[in-house]
PDB file of N, CA and C in Angstrom:
ATOM      1  N   MET A   1     -73.566 -74.080   2.442  1.00  0.00           N
ATOM      2  CA  MET A   1     -74.940 -73.924   2.027  1.00  0.00           C
ATOM      3  C   MET A   1     -75.108 -72.973   0.839  1.00  0.00           C
ATOM      4  N   PRO A   2     -74.295 -71.925   0.700  1.00  0.00           N
ATOM      5  CA  PRO A   2     -74.473 -71.050  -0.464  1.00  0.00           C
ATOM      6  C   PRO A   2     -74.273 -71.772  -1.798  1.00  0.00           C
ATOM      7  N   ILE A   3     -73.410 -72.787  -1.856  1.00  0.00           N
ATOM      8  CA  ILE A   3     -73.189 -73.516  -3.101  1.00  0.00           C
ATOM      9  C   ILE A   3     -74.427 -74.333  -3.461  1.00  0.00           C
ATOM     10  N   VAL A   4     -75.055 -74.940  -2.467  1.00  0.00           N
ATOM     11  CA  VAL A   4     -76.280 -75.703  -2.706  1.00  0.00           C
ATOM     12  C   VAL A   4     -77.375 -74.765  -3.204  1.00  0.00           C
ATOM     13  N   TRP A   5     -77.481 -73.595  -2.572  1.00  0.00           N
ATOM     14  CA  TRP A   5     -78.473 -72.612  -2.995  1.00  0.00           C
ATOM     15  C   TRP A   5     -78.199 -72.154  -4.431  1.00  0.00           C
ATOM     16  N   LEU A   6     -76.930 -71.956  -4.785  1.00  0.00           N
ATOM     17  CA  LEU A   6     -76.562 -71.553  -6.137  1.00  0.00           C
ATOM     18  C   LEU A   6     -76.950 -72.619  -7.152  1.00  0.00           C
ATOM     19  N   ILE A   7     -76.755 -73.879  -6.829  1.00  0.00           N
ATOM     20  CA  ILE A   7     -77.118 -74.973  -7.736  1.00  0.00           C
ATOM     21  C   ILE A   7     -78.628 -75.035  -7.920  1.00  0.00           C
ATOM     22  N   ILE A   8     -79.379 -74.923  -6.830  1.00  0.00           N
ATOM     23  CA  ILE A   8     -80.842 -74.973  -6.915  1.00  0.00           C
ATOM     24  C   ILE A   8     -81.371 -73.775  -7.695  1.00  0.00           C
ATOM     25  N   LEU A   9     -80.900 -72.598  -7.359  1.00  0.00           N
ATOM     26  CA  LEU A   9     -81.322 -71.380  -8.044  1.00  0.00           C
ATOM     27  C   LEU A   9     -80.894 -71.421  -9.514  1.00  0.00           C
ATOM     28  N   GLY A  10     -79.691 -71.900  -9.761  1.00  0.00           N
ATOM     29  CA  GLY A  10     -79.195 -72.003 -11.128  1.00  0.00           C
ATOM     30  C   GLY A  10     -79.989 -72.979 -11.966  1.00  0.00           C
ATOM     31  N   ALA A  11     -80.371 -74.109 -11.383  1.00  0.00           N
ATOM     32  CA  ALA A  11     -81.179 -75.083 -12.117  1.00  0.00           C
ATOM     33  C   ALA A  11     -82.541 -74.494 -12.473  1.00  0.00           C
ATOM     34  N   ALA A  12     -83.157 -73.815 -11.518  1.00  0.00           N
ATOM     35  CA  ALA A  12     -84.459 -73.195 -11.776  1.00  0.00           C
ATOM     36  C   ALA A  12     -84.327 -72.082 -12.823  1.00  0.00           C
ATOM     37  N   ALA A  13     -83.316 -71.248 -12.681  1.00  0.00           N
ATOM     38  CA  ALA A  13     -83.115 -70.150 -13.625  1.00  0.00           C
ATOM     39  C   ALA A  13     -82.780 -70.674 -15.018  1.00  0.00           C
ATOM     40  N   GLY A  14     -81.950 -71.684 -15.094  1.00  0.00           N
ATOM     41  CA  GLY A  14     -81.601 -72.272 -16.385  1.00  0.00           C
ATOM     42  C   GLY A  14     -82.810 -72.881 -17.066  1.00  0.00           C
ATOM     43  N   PHE A  15     -83.654 -73.556 -16.290  1.00  0.00           N
ATOM     44  CA  PHE A  15     -84.871 -74.137 -16.840  1.00  0.00           C
ATOM     45  C   PHE A  15     -85.769 -73.049 -17.406  1.00  0.00           C
ATOM     46  N   LEU A  16     -86.000 -71.998 -16.610  1.00  0.00           N
ATOM     47  CA  LEU A  16     -86.865 -70.913 -17.071  1.00  0.00           C
ATOM     48  C   LEU A  16     -86.271 -70.194 -18.281  1.00  0.00           C
ATOM     49  N   ALA A  17     -84.978 -69.927 -18.230  1.00  0.00           N
ATOM     50  CA  ALA A  17     -84.334 -69.201 -19.329  1.00  0.00           C
ATOM     51  C   ALA A  17     -84.353 -70.005 -20.624  1.00  0.00           C
ATOM     52  N   THR A  18     -84.104 -71.312 -20.547  1.00  0.00           N
ATOM     53  CA  THR A  18     -84.128 -72.122 -21.766  1.00  0.00           C
ATOM     54  C   THR A  18     -85.538 -72.218 -22.328  1.00  0.00           C
ATOM     55  N   ARG A  19     -86.545 -72.193 -21.472  1.00  0.00           N
ATOM     56  CA  ARG A  19     -87.931 -72.213 -21.964  1.00  0.00           C
ATOM     57  C   ARG A  19     -88.313 -70.871 -22.573  1.00  0.00           C
ATOM     58  N   PHE A  20     -87.903 -69.762 -21.945  1.00  0.00           N
ATOM     59  CA  PHE A  20     -88.203 -68.440 -22.490  1.00  0.00           C
ATOM     60  C   PHE A  20     -87.515 -68.221 -23.836  1.00  0.00           C
ATOM     61  N   MET A  21     -86.287 -68.705 -23.950  1.00  0.00           N
ATOM     62  CA  MET A  21     -85.498 -68.507 -25.166  1.00  0.00           C
ATOM     63  C   MET A  21     -85.694 -69.633 -26.184  1.00  0.00           C
ATOM     64  N   LYS A  22     -86.533 -70.626 -25.871  1.00  0.00           N
ATOM     65  CA  LYS A  22     -86.833 -71.770 -26.747  1.00  0.00           C
ATOM     66  C   LYS A  22     -85.563 -72.496 -27.196  1.00  0.00           C
ATOM     67  N   VAL A  23     -84.748 -72.873 -26.206  1.00  0.00           N
ATOM     68  CA  VAL A  23     -83.506 -73.606 -26.450  1.00  0.00           C
ATOM     69  C   VAL A  23     -83.671 -74.998 -25.871  1.00  0.00           C
ATOM     70  N   ASP A  24     -83.322 -76.011 -26.654  1.00  0.00           N
ATOM     71  CA  ASP A  24     -83.426 -77.388 -26.197  1.00  0.00           C
ATOM     72  C   ASP A  24     -82.033 -77.869 -25.770  1.00  0.00           C
ATOM     73  N   THR A  25     -81.832 -78.024 -24.453  1.00  0.00           N
ATOM     74  CA  THR A  25     -80.541 -78.469 -23.931  1.00  0.00           C
ATOM     75  C   THR A  25     -80.757 -79.621 -22.964  1.00  0.00           C
ATOM     76  N   ASP A  26     -79.662 -80.328 -22.655  1.00  0.00           N
ATOM     77  CA  ASP A  26     -79.752 -81.391 -21.663  1.00  0.00           C
ATOM     78  C   ASP A  26     -79.671 -80.785 -20.256  1.00  0.00           C
ATOM     79  N   VAL A  27     -79.879 -81.611 -19.253  1.00  0.00           N
ATOM     80  CA  VAL A  27     -79.950 -81.129 -17.868  1.00  0.00           C
ATOM     81  C   VAL A  27     -78.651 -80.483 -17.390  1.00  0.00           C
ATOM     82  N   PRO A  28     -77.470 -81.101 -17.599  1.00  0.00           N
ATOM     83  CA  PRO A  28     -76.238 -80.445 -17.132  1.00  0.00           C
ATOM     84  C   PRO A  28     -75.988 -79.089 -17.803  1.00  0.00           C
ATOM     85  N   THR A  29     -76.291 -78.978 -19.098  1.00  0.00           N
ATOM     86  CA  THR A  29     -76.113 -77.707 -19.789  1.00  0.00           C
ATOM     87  C   THR A  29     -77.083 -76.663 -19.263  1.00  0.00           C
ATOM     88  N   THR A  30     -78.331 -77.076 -19.020  1.00  0.00           N
ATOM     89  CA  THR A  30     -79.327 -76.173 -18.464  1.00  0.00           C
ATOM     90  C   THR A  30     -78.881 -75.655 -17.104  1.00  0.00           C
ATOM     91  N   MET A  31     -78.354 -76.554 -16.268  1.00  0.00           N
ATOM     92  CA  MET A  31     -77.871 -76.140 -14.949  1.00  0.00           C
ATOM     93  C   MET A  31     -76.672 -75.210 -15.074  1.00  0.00           C
ATOM     94  N   ALA A  32     -75.755 -75.511 -15.992  1.00  0.00           N
ATOM     95  CA  ALA A  32     -74.579 -74.658 -16.179  1.00  0.00           C
ATOM     96  C   ALA A  32     -74.980 -73.273 -16.668  1.00  0.00           C
ATOM     97  N   ILE A  33     -75.930 -73.219 -17.589  1.00  0.00           N
ATOM     98  CA  ILE A  33     -76.430 -71.931 -18.069  1.00  0.00           C
ATOM     99  C   ILE A  33     -77.058 -71.167 -16.920  1.00  0.00           C
ATOM    100  N   GLY A  34     -77.846 -71.856 -16.115  1.00  0.00           N
ATOM    101  CA  GLY A  34     -78.504 -71.201 -14.984  1.00  0.00           C
ATOM    102  C   GLY A  34     -77.529 -70.717 -13.931  1.00  0.00           C
ATOM    103  N   ILE A  35     -76.522 -71.521 -13.634  1.00  0.00           N
ATOM    104  CA  ILE A  35     -75.519 -71.119 -12.642  1.00  0.00           C
ATOM    105  C   ILE A  35     -74.714 -69.935 -13.168  1.00  0.00           C
ATOM    106  N   GLY A  36     -74.332 -69.989 -14.448  1.00  0.00           N
ATOM    107  CA  GLY A  36     -73.646 -68.848 -15.048  1.00  0.00           C
ATOM    108  C   GLY A  36     -74.523 -67.605 -15.031  1.00  0.00           C
ATOM    109  N   GLY A  37     -75.791 -67.799 -15.331  1.00  0.00           N
ATOM    110  CA  GLY A  37     -76.731 -66.686 -15.279  1.00  0.00           C
ATOM    111  C   GLY A  37     -76.919 -66.154 -13.868  1.00  0.00           C
ATOM    112  N   ALA A  38     -76.905 -67.064 -12.894  1.00  0.00           N
ATOM    113  CA  ALA A  38     -77.026 -66.634 -11.502  1.00  0.00           C
ATOM    114  C   ALA A  38     -75.820 -65.795 -11.089  1.00  0.00           C
ATOM    115  N   LEU A  39     -74.648 -66.185 -11.548  1.00  0.00           N
ATOM    116  CA  LEU A  39     -73.452 -65.404 -11.237  1.00  0.00           C
ATOM    117  C   LEU A  39     -73.498 -64.034 -11.909  1.00  0.00           C
ATOM    118  N   ILE A  40     -73.872 -64.015 -13.194  1.00  0.00           N
ATOM    119  CA  ILE A  40     -73.975 -62.744 -13.914  1.00  0.00           C
ATOM    120  C   ILE A  40     -75.067 -61.874 -13.303  1.00  0.00           C
ATOM    121  N   GLY A  41     -76.237 -62.457 -13.124  1.00  0.00           N
ATOM    122  CA  GLY A  41     -77.359 -61.707 -12.559  1.00  0.00           C
ATOM    123  C   GLY A  41     -77.098 -61.253 -11.138  1.00  0.00           C
ATOM    124  N   GLY A  42     -76.411 -62.083 -10.369  1.00  0.00           N
ATOM    125  CA  GLY A  42     -76.089 -61.705  -8.995  1.00  0.00           C
ATOM    126  C   GLY A  42     -75.144 -60.529  -8.931  1.00  0.00           C
ATOM    127  N   LEU A  43     -74.178 -60.513  -9.835  1.00  0.00           N
ATOM    128  CA  LEU A  43     -73.251 -59.392  -9.867  1.00  0.00           C
ATOM    129  C   LEU A  43     -73.930 -58.110 -10.348  1.00  0.00           C
ATOM    130  N   LEU A  44     -74.781 -58.232 -11.360  1.00  0.00           N
ATOM    131  CA  LEU A  44     -75.420 -57.051 -11.927  1.00  0.00           C
ATOM    132  C   LEU A  44     -76.544 -56.507 -11.051  1.00  0.00           C
ATOM    133  N   LEU A  45     -77.209 -57.394 -10.334  1.00  0.00           N
ATOM    134  CA  LEU A  45     -78.390 -56.968  -9.578  1.00  0.00           C
ATOM    135  C   LEU A  45     -78.201 -57.078  -8.066  1.00  0.00           C
ATOM    136  N   ARG A  46     -76.985 -56.929  -7.601  1.00  0.00           N
ATOM    137  CA  ARG A  46     -76.703 -57.061  -6.167  1.00  0.00           C
ATOM    138  C   ARG A  46     -77.502 -56.059  -5.336  1.00  0.00           C
ATOM    139  N   THR A  47     -77.636 -54.855  -5.803  1.00  0.00           N
ATOM    140  CA  THR A  47     -78.392 -53.834  -5.080  1.00  0.00           C
ATOM    141  C   THR A  47     -79.863 -54.212  -4.991  1.00  0.00           C
ATOM    142  N   LEU A  48     -80.417 -54.684  -6.095  1.00  0.00           N
ATOM    143  CA  LEU A  48     -81.820 -55.089  -6.102  1.00  0.00           C
ATOM    144  C   LEU A  48     -82.056 -56.257  -5.148  1.00  0.00           C
ATOM    145  N   LEU A  49     -81.110 -57.180  -5.091  1.00  0.00           N
ATOM    146  CA  LEU A  49     -81.218 -58.323  -4.197  1.00  0.00           C
ATOM    147  C   LEU A  49     -81.264 -57.896  -2.741  1.00  0.00           C
ATOM    148  N   SER A  50     -80.457 -56.939  -2.368  1.00  0.00           N
ATOM    149  CA  SER A  50     -80.425 -56.503  -0.974  1.00  0.00           C
ATOM    150  C   SER A  50     -81.700 -55.756  -0.597  1.00  0.00           C
ATOM    151  N   VAL A  51     -82.344 -55.124  -1.558  1.00  0.00           N
ATOM    152  CA  VAL A  51     -83.554 -54.363  -1.275  1.00  0.00           C
ATOM    153  C   VAL A  51     -84.798 -55.246  -1.276  1.00  0.00           C
ATOM    154  N   MET A  52     -84.915 -56.144  -2.257  1.00  0.00           N
ATOM    155  CA  MET A  52     -86.165 -56.885  -2.437  1.00  0.00           C
ATOM    156  C   MET A  52     -86.132 -58.332  -1.958  1.00  0.00           C
ATOM    157  N   GLY A  53     -84.981 -58.902  -1.730  1.00  0.00           N
ATOM    158  CA  GLY A  53     -84.925 -60.258  -1.213  1.00  0.00           C
ATOM    159  C   GLY A  53     -84.645 -61.311  -2.277  1.00  0.00           C
ATOM    160  N   ALA A  54     -84.953 -62.561  -1.944  1.00  0.00           N
ATOM    161  CA  ALA A  54     -84.567 -63.709  -2.762  1.00  0.00           C
ATOM    162  C   ALA A  54     -85.285 -63.755  -4.105  1.00  0.00           C
ATOM    163  N   LEU A  55     -86.498 -63.241  -4.192  1.00  0.00           N
ATOM    164  CA  LEU A  55     -87.213 -63.279  -5.461  1.00  0.00           C
ATOM    165  C   LEU A  55     -86.466 -62.499  -6.530  1.00  0.00           C
ATOM    166  N   SER A  56     -85.872 -61.383  -6.162  1.00  0.00           N
ATOM    167  CA  SER A  56     -85.101 -60.624  -7.137  1.00  0.00           C
ATOM    168  C   SER A  56     -83.857 -61.401  -7.562  1.00  0.00           C
ATOM    169  N   GLY A  57     -83.346 -62.275  -6.693  1.00  0.00           N
ATOM    170  CA  GLY A  57     -82.217 -63.128  -7.064  1.00  0.00           C
ATOM    171  C   GLY A  57     -82.599 -64.084  -8.175  1.00  0.00           C
ATOM    172  N   LEU A  58     -83.797 -64.638  -8.101  1.00  0.00           N
ATOM    173  CA  LEU A  58     -84.274 -65.523  -9.164  1.00  0.00           C
ATOM    174  C   LEU A  58     -84.474 -64.742 -10.450  1.00  0.00           C
ATOM    175  N   VAL A  59     -85.046 -63.560 -10.358  1.00  0.00           N
ATOM    176  CA  VAL A  59     -85.243 -62.720 -11.546  1.00  0.00           C
ATOM    177  C   VAL A  59     -83.892 -62.383 -12.169  1.00  0.00           C
ATOM    178  N   GLY A  60     -82.938 -61.992 -11.351  1.00  0.00           N
ATOM    179  CA  GLY A  60     -81.607 -61.678 -11.858  1.00  0.00           C
ATOM    180  C   GLY A  60     -80.937 -62.890 -12.481  1.00  0.00           C
ATOM    181  N   ALA A  61     -81.129 -64.053 -11.876  1.00  0.00           N
ATOM    182  CA  ALA A  61     -80.525 -65.275 -12.408  1.00  0.00           C
ATOM    183  C   ALA A  61     -81.138 -65.631 -13.758  1.00  0.00           C
ATOM    184  N   VAL A  62     -82.448 -65.497 -13.886  1.00  0.00           N
ATOM    185  CA  VAL A  62     -83.112 -65.790 -15.164  1.00  0.00           C
ATOM    186  C   VAL A  62     -82.636 -64.813 -16.236  1.00  0.00           C
ATOM    187  N   LEU A  63     -82.586 -63.524 -15.895  1.00  0.00           N
ATOM    188  CA  LEU A  63     -82.121 -62.529 -16.860  1.00  0.00           C
ATOM    189  C   LEU A  63     -80.660 -62.776 -17.255  1.00  0.00           C
ATOM    190  N   GLY A  64     -79.832 -63.127 -16.286  1.00  0.00           N
ATOM    191  CA  GLY A  64     -78.440 -63.435 -16.592  1.00  0.00           C
ATOM    192  C   GLY A  64     -78.303 -64.669 -17.463  1.00  0.00           C
ATOM    193  N   ALA A  65     -79.118 -65.685 -17.192  1.00  0.00           N
ATOM    194  CA  ALA A  65     -79.083 -66.909 -18.005  1.00  0.00           C
ATOM    195  C   ALA A  65     -79.569 -66.623 -19.421  1.00  0.00           C
ATOM    196  N   MET A  66     -80.585 -65.784 -19.550  1.00  0.00           N
ATOM    197  CA  MET A  66     -81.064 -65.419 -20.885  1.00  0.00           C
ATOM    198  C   MET A  66     -79.999 -64.652 -21.657  1.00  0.00           C
ATOM    199  N   LEU A  67     -79.265 -63.775 -20.974  1.00  0.00           N
ATOM    200  CA  LEU A  67     -78.160 -63.062 -21.606  1.00  0.00           C
ATOM    201  C   LEU A  67     -77.082 -64.042 -22.055  1.00  0.00           C
ATOM    202  N   LEU A  68     -76.767 -65.016 -21.208  1.00  0.00           N
ATOM    203  CA  LEU A  68     -75.760 -66.015 -21.539  1.00  0.00           C
ATOM    204  C   LEU A  68     -76.194 -66.850 -22.743  1.00  0.00           C
ATOM    205  N   ILE A  69     -77.475 -67.238 -22.806  1.00  0.00           N
ATOM    206  CA  ILE A  69     -77.988 -67.994 -23.955  1.00  0.00           C
ATOM    207  C   ILE A  69     -77.889 -67.160 -25.219  1.00  0.00           C
ATOM    208  N   TRP A  70     -78.251 -65.876 -25.131  1.00  0.00           N
ATOM    209  CA  TRP A  70     -78.181 -65.001 -26.299  1.00  0.00           C
ATOM    210  C   TRP A  70     -76.747 -64.881 -26.801  1.00  0.00           C
ATOM    211  N   LEU A  71     -75.810 -64.683 -25.882  1.00  0.00           N
ATOM    212  CA  LEU A  71     -74.399 -64.597 -26.271  1.00  0.00           C
ATOM    213  C   LEU A  71     -73.930 -65.899 -26.895  1.00  0.00           C
ATOM    214  N   TRP A  72     -74.351 -67.014 -26.316  1.00  0.00           N
ATOM    215  CA  TRP A  72     -73.968 -68.336 -26.820  1.00  0.00           C
ATOM    216  C   TRP A  72     -74.504 -68.534 -28.231  1.00  0.00           C
ATOM    217  N   GLN A  73     -75.782 -68.195 -28.445  1.00  0.00           N
ATOM    218  CA  GLN A  73     -76.382 -68.368 -29.778  1.00  0.00           C
ATOM    219  C   GLN A  73     -75.789 -67.397 -30.793  1.00  0.00           C
ATOM    220  N   THR A  74     -75.465 -66.206 -30.359  1.00  0.00           N
ATOM    221  CA  THR A  74     -74.971 -65.186 -31.283  1.00  0.00           C
ATOM    222  C   THR A  74     -73.524 -65.435 -31.694  1.00  0.00           C
ATOM    223  N   TYR A  75     -72.661 -65.797 -30.751  1.00  0.00           N
ATOM    224  CA  TYR A  75     -71.238 -65.857 -31.042  1.00  0.00           C
ATOM    225  C   TYR A  75     -70.655 -67.257 -31.159  1.00  0.00           C
ATOM    226  N   ILE A  76     -71.301 -68.257 -30.596  1.00  0.00           N
ATOM    227  CA  ILE A  76     -70.721 -69.598 -30.627  1.00  0.00           C
ATOM    228  C   ILE A  76     -71.453 -70.501 -31.601  1.00  0.00           C
ATOM    229  N   VAL A  77     -72.767 -70.523 -31.538  1.00  0.00           N
ATOM    230  CA  VAL A  77     -73.565 -71.391 -32.405  1.00  0.00           C
ATOM    231  C   VAL A  77     -74.080 -70.544 -33.563  1.00  0.00           C
ATOM    232  N   LYS A  78     -73.421 -70.634 -34.677  1.00  0.00           N
ATOM    233  CA  LYS A  78     -73.833 -69.908 -35.876  1.00  0.00           C
ATOM    234  C   LYS A  78     -74.763 -70.818 -36.670  1.00  0.00           C
ATOM    235  N   LYS A  79     -75.984 -70.336 -36.921  1.00  0.00           N
ATOM    236  CA  LYS A  79     -76.954 -71.158 -37.672  1.00  0.00           C
ATOM    237  C   LYS A  79     -76.863 -70.863 -39.142  1.00  0.00           C
TER     238      LYS A  79
END
């Protein structure tokens, strides 16, 4: 069940992060960004998650996905 939760949370976080950062991606990329962000955000905000519950997990996942998008745009996609 944790993997299913990670996919759902990652898809939601990726969707929100791509909209906040104004990035146009396809669905699999959006989900991958969100899942990566969920992993980053989960590691960075583990304490906050234990104190505040699942909502902080979504916040951490969105912030992690936004960080991942920024890194991707800065170092991989040179405009």
